[in-house]
C-alpha atoms as a PDB file:
ATOM      1  CA  UNK A   1     -10.969   1.734   7.361  1.00  0.00           C
ATOM      2  CA  UNK A   2     -12.833   4.119   9.629  1.00  0.00           C
ATOM      3  CA  UNK A   3     -12.297   1.481  12.418  1.00  0.00           C
ATOM      4  CA  UNK A   4      -8.640   1.219  11.597  1.00  0.00           C
ATOM      5  CA  UNK A   5      -8.202   4.951  11.668  1.00  0.00           C
ATOM      6  CA  UNK A   6      -9.850   5.450  14.855  1.00  0.00           C
ATOM      7  CA  UNK A   7      -7.768   2.730  16.384  1.00  0.00           C
ATOM      8  CA  UNK A   8      -4.582   4.406  15.141  1.00  0.00           C
ATOM      9  CA  UNK A   9      -5.774   7.496  16.726  1.00  0.00           C
ATOM     10  CA  UNK A  10      -5.940   5.858  19.938  1.00  0.00           C
ATOM     11  CA  UNK A  11      -2.538   4.175  19.687  1.00  0.00           C
ATOM     12  CA  UNK A  12      -0.907   7.327  18.666  1.00  0.00           C
ATOM     13  CA  UNK A  13      -2.665   9.443  21.283  1.00  0.00           C
ATOM     14  CA  UNK A  14      -0.295  11.328  23.721  1.00  0.00           C
ATOM     15  CA  UNK A  15       2.754  10.456  21.598  1.00  0.00           C
ATOM     16  CA  UNK A  16       5.167  13.056  20.218  1.00  0.00           C
ATOM     17  CA  UNK A  17       5.479  11.080  17.198  1.00  0.00           C
ATOM     18  CA  UNK A  18       3.266   8.420  15.751  1.00  0.00           C
ATOM     19  CA  UNK A  19       4.010   4.882  16.744  1.00  0.00           C
ATOM     20  CA  UNK A  20       2.582   3.783  13.506  1.00  0.00           C
ATOM     21  CA  UNK A  21       2.286   6.212  10.672  1.00  0.00           C
ATOM     22  CA  UNK A  22      -0.310   4.989   8.082  1.00  0.00           C
ATOM     23  CA  UNK A  23      -1.452   7.077   5.192  1.00  0.00           C
ATOM     24  CA  UNK A  24      -4.834   5.994   3.584  1.00  0.00           C
ATOM     25  CA  UNK A  25      -5.424   7.170   0.217  1.00  0.00           C
ATOM     26  CA  UNK A  26      -8.483   7.094  -1.899  1.00  0.00           C
ATOM     27  CA  UNK A  27      -8.115   8.210  -5.692  1.00  0.00           C
ATOM     28  CA  UNK A  28      -9.867  11.474  -5.666  1.00  0.00           C
ATOM     29  CA  UNK A  29      -7.424  13.858  -7.691  1.00  0.00           C
ATOM     30  CA  UNK A  30      -3.942  13.332  -8.872  1.00  0.00           C
ATOM     31  CA  UNK A  31      -2.366  15.870  -6.489  1.00  0.00           C
ATOM     32  CA  UNK A  32      -3.775  14.278  -3.378  1.00  0.00           C
ATOM     33  CA  UNK A  33      -2.459  10.939  -4.654  1.00  0.00           C
ATOM     34  CA  UNK A  34       0.996  12.410  -5.540  1.00  0.00           C
ATOM     35  CA  UNK A  35       1.378  14.117  -2.060  1.00  0.00           C
ATOM     36  CA  UNK A  36       0.531  10.865  -0.214  1.00  0.00           C
ATOM     37  CA  UNK A  37       2.683   8.747  -2.381  1.00  0.00           C
ATOM     38  CA  UNK A  38       5.820  11.007  -1.715  1.00  0.00           C
ATOM     39  CA  UNK A  39       5.191  11.491   1.866  1.00  0.00           C
ATOM     40  CA  UNK A  40       7.269   9.448   4.171  1.00  0.00           C
ATOM     41  CA  UNK A  41       5.164   6.825   6.353  1.00  0.00           C
ATOM     42  CA  UNK A  42       5.243   3.168   7.732  1.00  0.00           C
ATOM     43  CA  UNK A  43       2.315   1.985   5.494  1.00  0.00           C
ATOM     44  CA  UNK A  44       0.865   3.601   2.430  1.00  0.00           C
ATOM     45  CA  UNK A  45      -2.630   2.065   1.964  1.00  0.00           C
ATOM     46  CA  UNK A  46      -4.088   2.932  -1.497  1.00  0.00           C
ATOM     47  CA  UNK A  47      -7.704   1.860  -1.798  1.00  0.00           C
ATOM     48  CA  UNK A  48      -8.967   2.200  -5.388  1.00  0.00           C
ATOM     49  CA  UNK A  49      -9.986   0.061  -8.333  1.00  0.00           C
ATOM     50  CA  UNK A  50      -6.959  -1.435  -9.911  1.00  0.00           C
ATOM     51  CA  UNK A  51      -6.688  -1.553 -13.661  1.00  0.00           C
ATOM     52  CA  UNK A  52      -3.951  -2.317 -16.023  1.00  0.00           C
ATOM     53  CA  UNK A  53      -5.656  -2.759 -19.481  1.00  0.00           C
ATOM     54  CA  UNK A  54      -3.555   0.198 -20.800  1.00  0.00           C
ATOM     55  CA  UNK A  55      -1.138   0.811 -17.934  1.00  0.00           C
ATOM     56  CA  UNK A  56      -1.340   0.183 -14.176  1.00  0.00           C
ATOM     57  CA  UNK A  57      -3.905   2.846 -12.810  1.00  0.00           C
ATOM     58  CA  UNK A  58      -5.903   3.376  -9.797  1.00  0.00           C
ATOM     59  CA  UNK A  59      -9.530   4.525 -10.504  1.00  0.00           C
ATOM     60  CA  UNK A  60     -11.980   6.180  -7.965  1.00  0.00           C
ATOM     61  CA  UNK A  61     -15.273   4.363  -7.078  1.00  0.00           C
ATOM     62  CA  UNK A  62     -17.163   6.822  -9.144  1.00  0.00           C
ATOM     63  CA  UNK A  63     -14.983   6.331 -12.205  1.00  0.00           C
ATOM     64  CA  UNK A  64     -14.310   9.945 -12.616  1.00  0.00           C
ATOM     65  CA  UNK A  65     -10.567   9.927 -11.554  1.00  0.00           C
ATOM     66  CA  UNK A  66      -8.011   7.609 -12.975  1.00  0.00           C
ATOM     67  CA  UNK A  67      -4.298   8.040 -11.856  1.00  0.00           C
ATOM     68  CA  UNK A  68      -1.588   5.978 -13.562  1.00  0.00           C
ATOM     69  CA  UNK A  69       1.523   4.822 -11.776  1.00  0.00           C
ATOM     70  CA  UNK A  70       3.422   5.964 -15.014  1.00  0.00           C
ATOM     71  CA  UNK A  71       2.301   9.505 -14.632  1.00  0.00           C
ATOM     72  CA  UNK A  72       2.894   9.358 -10.735  1.00  0.00           C
ATOM     73  CA  UNK A  73       6.428   8.116 -11.607  1.00  0.00           C
ATOM     74  CA  UNK A  74       7.122  10.862 -14.052  1.00  0.00           C
ATOM     75  CA  UNK A  75       5.833  13.685 -11.712  1.00  0.00           C
ATOM     76  CA  UNK A  76       7.655  12.215  -8.741  1.00  0.00           C
ATOM     77  CA  UNK A  77      10.917  12.132 -10.808  1.00  0.00           C
ATOM     78  CA  UNK A  78      10.555  15.584 -11.839  1.00  0.00           C
ATOM     79  CA  UNK A  79      10.050  16.645  -8.135  1.00  0.00           C
ATOM     80  CA  UNK A  80      12.863  14.372  -7.076  1.00  0.00           C
ATOM     81  CA  UNK A  81      10.658  12.224  -4.749  1.00  0.00           C
ATOM     82  CA  UNK A  82       9.507   8.685  -5.010  1.00  0.00           C
ATOM     83  CA  UNK A  83       7.456   6.432  -2.784  1.00  0.00           C
ATOM     84  CA  UNK A  84       9.288   6.443   0.623  1.00  0.00           C
ATOM     85  CA  UNK A  85       6.916   4.265   2.633  1.00  0.00           C
ATOM     86  CA  UNK A  86       8.027   1.273   4.437  1.00  0.00           C
ATOM     87  CA  UNK A  87       5.058  -0.713   3.058  1.00  0.00           C
ATOM     88  CA  UNK A  88       2.518  -0.311   0.279  1.00  0.00           C
ATOM     89  CA  UNK A  89      -0.923  -2.004   0.335  1.00  0.00           C
ATOM     90  CA  UNK A  90      -2.407  -1.712  -3.109  1.00  0.00           C
ATOM     91  CA  UNK A  91      -5.976  -2.462  -2.049  1.00  0.00           C
ATOM     92  CA  UNK A  92      -7.574  -3.116  -5.579  1.00  0.00           C
ATOM     93  CA  UNK A  93      -8.157  -5.934  -8.166  1.00  0.00           C
ATOM     94  CA  UNK A  94      -4.889  -7.637  -9.474  1.00  0.00           C
ATOM     95  CA  UNK A  95      -2.498  -5.303  -8.100  1.00  0.00           C
ATOM     96  CA  UNK A  96      -0.149  -7.919  -7.219  1.00  0.00           C
ATOM     97  CA  UNK A  97       0.656  -8.875 -10.896  1.00  0.00           C
ATOM     98  CA  UNK A  98       4.018  -8.549 -12.726  1.00  0.00           C
ATOM     99  CA  UNK A  99       2.890  -5.410 -14.471  1.00  0.00           C
ATOM    100  CA  UNK A 100       1.895  -3.837 -11.379  1.00  0.00           C
ATOM    101  CA  UNK A 101       5.243  -4.748  -9.689  1.00  0.00           C
ATOM    102  CA  UNK A 102       7.181  -3.184 -12.419  1.00  0.00           C
ATOM    103  CA  UNK A 103       5.056   0.049 -12.310  1.00  0.00           C
ATOM    104  CA  UNK A 104       5.505   0.308  -8.658  1.00  0.00           C
ATOM    105  CA  UNK A 105       9.282  -0.275  -8.952  1.00  0.00           C
ATOM    106  CA  UNK A 106       9.496   2.744 -11.112  1.00  0.00           C
ATOM    107  CA  UNK A 107       8.156   4.852  -8.343  1.00  0.00           C
ATOM    108  CA  UNK A 108      10.220   3.725  -5.469  1.00  0.00           C
ATOM    109  CA  UNK A 109      12.725   5.517  -3.678  1.00  0.00           C
ATOM    110  CA  UNK A 110      14.005   2.423  -1.713  1.00  0.00           C
ATOM    111  CA  UNK A 111      12.998  -1.084  -0.885  1.00  0.00           C
ATOM    112  CA  UNK A 112       9.441  -1.496   0.277  1.00  0.00           C
ATOM    113  CA  UNK A 113       7.113  -4.407   1.426  1.00  0.00           C
ATOM    114  CA  UNK A 114       4.450  -4.506  -1.328  1.00  0.00           C
ATOM    115  CA  UNK A 115       1.090  -6.243  -0.679  1.00  0.00           C
ATOM    116  CA  UNK A 116      -1.082  -6.612  -3.795  1.00  0.00           C
ATOM    117  CA  UNK A 117      -3.732  -8.895  -4.937  1.00  0.00           C
ATOM    118  CA  UNK A 118      -3.740 -11.774  -7.588  1.00  0.00           C
ATOM    119  CA  UNK A 119      -7.540 -11.672  -8.340  1.00  0.00           C
ATOM    120  CA  UNK A 120     -10.610  -9.582  -8.632  1.00  0.00           C
ATOM    121  CA  UNK A 121     -11.469  -8.461  -4.906  1.00  0.00           C
ATOM    122  CA  UNK A 122     -14.577  -6.846  -3.354  1.00  0.00           C
ATOM    123  CA  UNK A 123     -15.152  -5.260  -0.041  1.00  0.00           C
ATOM    124  CA  UNK A 124     -15.483  -8.580   1.736  1.00  0.00           C
ATOM    125  CA  UNK A 125     -12.087  -9.762   0.707  1.00  0.00           C
ATOM    126  CA  UNK A 126     -10.424  -6.488   1.412  1.00  0.00           C
ATOM    127  CA  UNK A 127     -12.208  -6.083   4.791  1.00  0.00           C
ATOM    128  CA  UNK A 128     -11.342  -9.597   5.913  1.00  0.00           C
ATOM    129  CA  UNK A 129      -7.552  -9.121   4.979  1.00  0.00           C
ATOM    130  CA  UNK A 130      -7.198  -5.555   6.163  1.00  0.00           C
ATOM    131  CA  UNK A 131      -8.821  -6.254   9.482  1.00  0.00           C
ATOM    132  CA  UNK A 132      -6.397  -9.052  10.181  1.00  0.00           C
ATOM    133  CA  UNK A 133      -3.506  -7.187   8.727  1.00  0.00           C
ATOM    134  CA  UNK A 134      -3.941  -4.092  11.004  1.00  0.00           C
ATOM    135  CA  UNK A 135      -4.644  -6.395  13.998  1.00  0.00           C
ATOM    136  CA  UNK A 136      -1.287  -8.100  13.478  1.00  0.00           C
ATOM    137  CA  UNK A 137       0.498  -4.657  12.693  1.00  0.00           C
ATOM    138  CA  UNK A 138      -0.536  -3.096  15.742  1.00  0.00           C
ATOM    139  CA  UNK A 139      -0.296  -6.003  18.128  1.00  0.00           C
ATOM    140  CA  UNK A 140       3.330  -4.949  19.003  1.00  0.00           C
ATOM    141  CA  UNK A 141       3.124  -1.256  18.069  1.00  0.00           C
ATOM    142  CA  UNK A 142       6.268  -1.928  15.933  1.00  0.00           C
ATOM    143  CA  UNK A 143       8.705  -2.592  18.931  1.00  0.00           C
ATOM    144  CA  UNK A 144      11.957  -3.948  17.517  1.00  0.00           C
ATOM    145  CA  UNK A 145      11.055  -4.095  13.946  1.00  0.00           C
ATOM    146  CA  UNK A 146      11.581  -1.804  10.944  1.00  0.00           C
ATOM    147  CA  UNK A 147       8.144  -0.667   9.484  1.00  0.00           C
ATOM    148  CA  UNK A 148       8.816  -2.920   6.333  1.00  0.00           C
ATOM    149  CA  UNK A 149       9.517  -6.113   8.381  1.00  0.00           C
ATOM    150  CA  UNK A 150       6.646  -5.279  10.561  1.00  0.00           C
ATOM    151  CA  UNK A 151       4.363  -4.786   7.533  1.00  0.00           C
ATOM    152  CA  UNK A 152       5.662  -8.172   6.157  1.00  0.00           C
ATOM    153  CA  UNK A 153       5.177 -10.047   9.282  1.00  0.00           C
ATOM    154  CA  UNK A 154       1.422  -8.545   9.591  1.00  0.00           C
ATOM    155  CA  UNK A 155       0.642  -9.370   5.853  1.00  0.00           C
ATOM    156  CA  UNK A 156       1.889 -13.095   6.440  1.00  0.00           C
ATOM    157  CA  UNK A 157      -0.217 -13.485   9.524  1.00  0.00           C
ATOM    158  CA  UNK A 158      -3.197 -11.799   7.690  1.00  0.00           C
ATOM    159  CA  UNK A 159      -2.999 -14.179   4.860  1.00  0.00           C
ATOM    160  CA  UNK A 160      -3.018 -17.244   7.094  1.00  0.00           C
ATOM    161  CA  UNK A 161      -6.026 -15.596   9.170  1.00  0.00           C
ATOM    162  CA  UNK A 162      -7.795 -15.040   5.843  1.00  0.00           C
ATOM    163  CA  UNK A 163      -7.564 -18.674   4.965  1.00  0.00           C
ATOM    164  CA  UNK A 164      -8.616 -19.816   8.308  1.00  0.00           C
ATOM    165  CA  UNK A 165     -11.615 -17.352   8.306  1.00  0.00           C
ATOM    166  CA  UNK A 166     -12.876 -17.954   4.818  1.00  0.00           C
ATOM    167  CA  UNK A 167     -11.740 -21.584   4.008  1.00  0.00           C
ATOM    168  CA  UNK A 168     -10.356 -19.963   0.759  1.00  0.00           C
ATOM    169  CA  UNK A 169      -6.940 -19.041  -0.559  1.00  0.00           C
ATOM    170  CA  UNK A 170      -5.973 -15.309   0.255  1.00  0.00           C
ATOM    171  CA  UNK A 171      -6.043 -13.098  -3.019  1.00  0.00           C
ATOM    172  CA  UNK A 172      -3.386 -10.965  -1.176  1.00  0.00           C
ATOM    173  CA  UNK A 173       0.319 -11.451  -1.795  1.00  0.00           C
ATOM    174  CA  UNK A 174       3.282  -9.949  -0.016  1.00  0.00           C
ATOM    175  CA  UNK A 175       6.708  -9.378  -1.506  1.00  0.00           C
ATOM    176  CA  UNK A 176       9.653  -7.105  -1.329  1.00  0.00           C
ATOM    177  CA  UNK A 177      10.185  -4.741  -4.092  1.00  0.00           C
ATOM    178  CA  UNK A 178      13.156  -2.588  -4.708  1.00  0.00           C
ATOM    179  CA  UNK A 179      13.538   0.494  -7.106  1.00  0.00           C
ATOM    180  CA  UNK A 180      14.026  -0.107 -10.717  1.00  0.00           C
ATOM    181  CA  UNK A 181      17.152   1.044 -12.517  1.00  0.00           C
ATOM    182  CA  UNK A 182      15.088   3.892 -13.903  1.00  0.00           C
ATOM    183  CA  UNK A 183      14.027   4.865 -10.470  1.00  0.00           C
ATOM    184  CA  UNK A 184      17.614   4.515  -9.076  1.00  0.00           C
ATOM    185  CA  UNK A 185      18.664   6.947 -11.612  1.00  0.00           C
ATOM    186  CA  UNK A 186      15.948   9.538 -11.417  1.00  0.00           C
ATOM    187  CA  UNK A 187      15.215   9.418  -7.618  1.00  0.00           C
ATOM    188  CA  UNK A 188      17.666  10.177  -4.987  1.00  0.00           C
END
């Protein structure tokens, strides 16, 4: 991710507004995660271990911090702010399953391109996919496309690149998610 962040700094250098606004979040504390989740951006990239044994949650690498989407949704609703990114990459294990999709929909302020995984993943799977994703995302610098559409196109290209590079099926999946009924009622 350091490579992607430095590339973004170069692309955005000299611009009054970022050409592509990407928020990278690692689970460190609930307030940081909530702030990132409710900040408007083109892509919200959450890097954490995914778990849904009790409820869909992100867990830090050291295992000391766990943030559930249920809690995030409740706090966001209390503040009147939900996830307002154009796209979300849930870079963790099995974050593309139905239980995760439902939990994310409860936190949404509007439609989003959601990229999650269908399997257990490690740094290699994530690195291959994310390198291809950000390469595709930045190739046109968003010209002529909404951030959500740009992310969908980049994810589809990254999935194909992953298959070509690894000779295996890509564990990342892309879909469009809309706010749940609950989110539409609680979030403006």
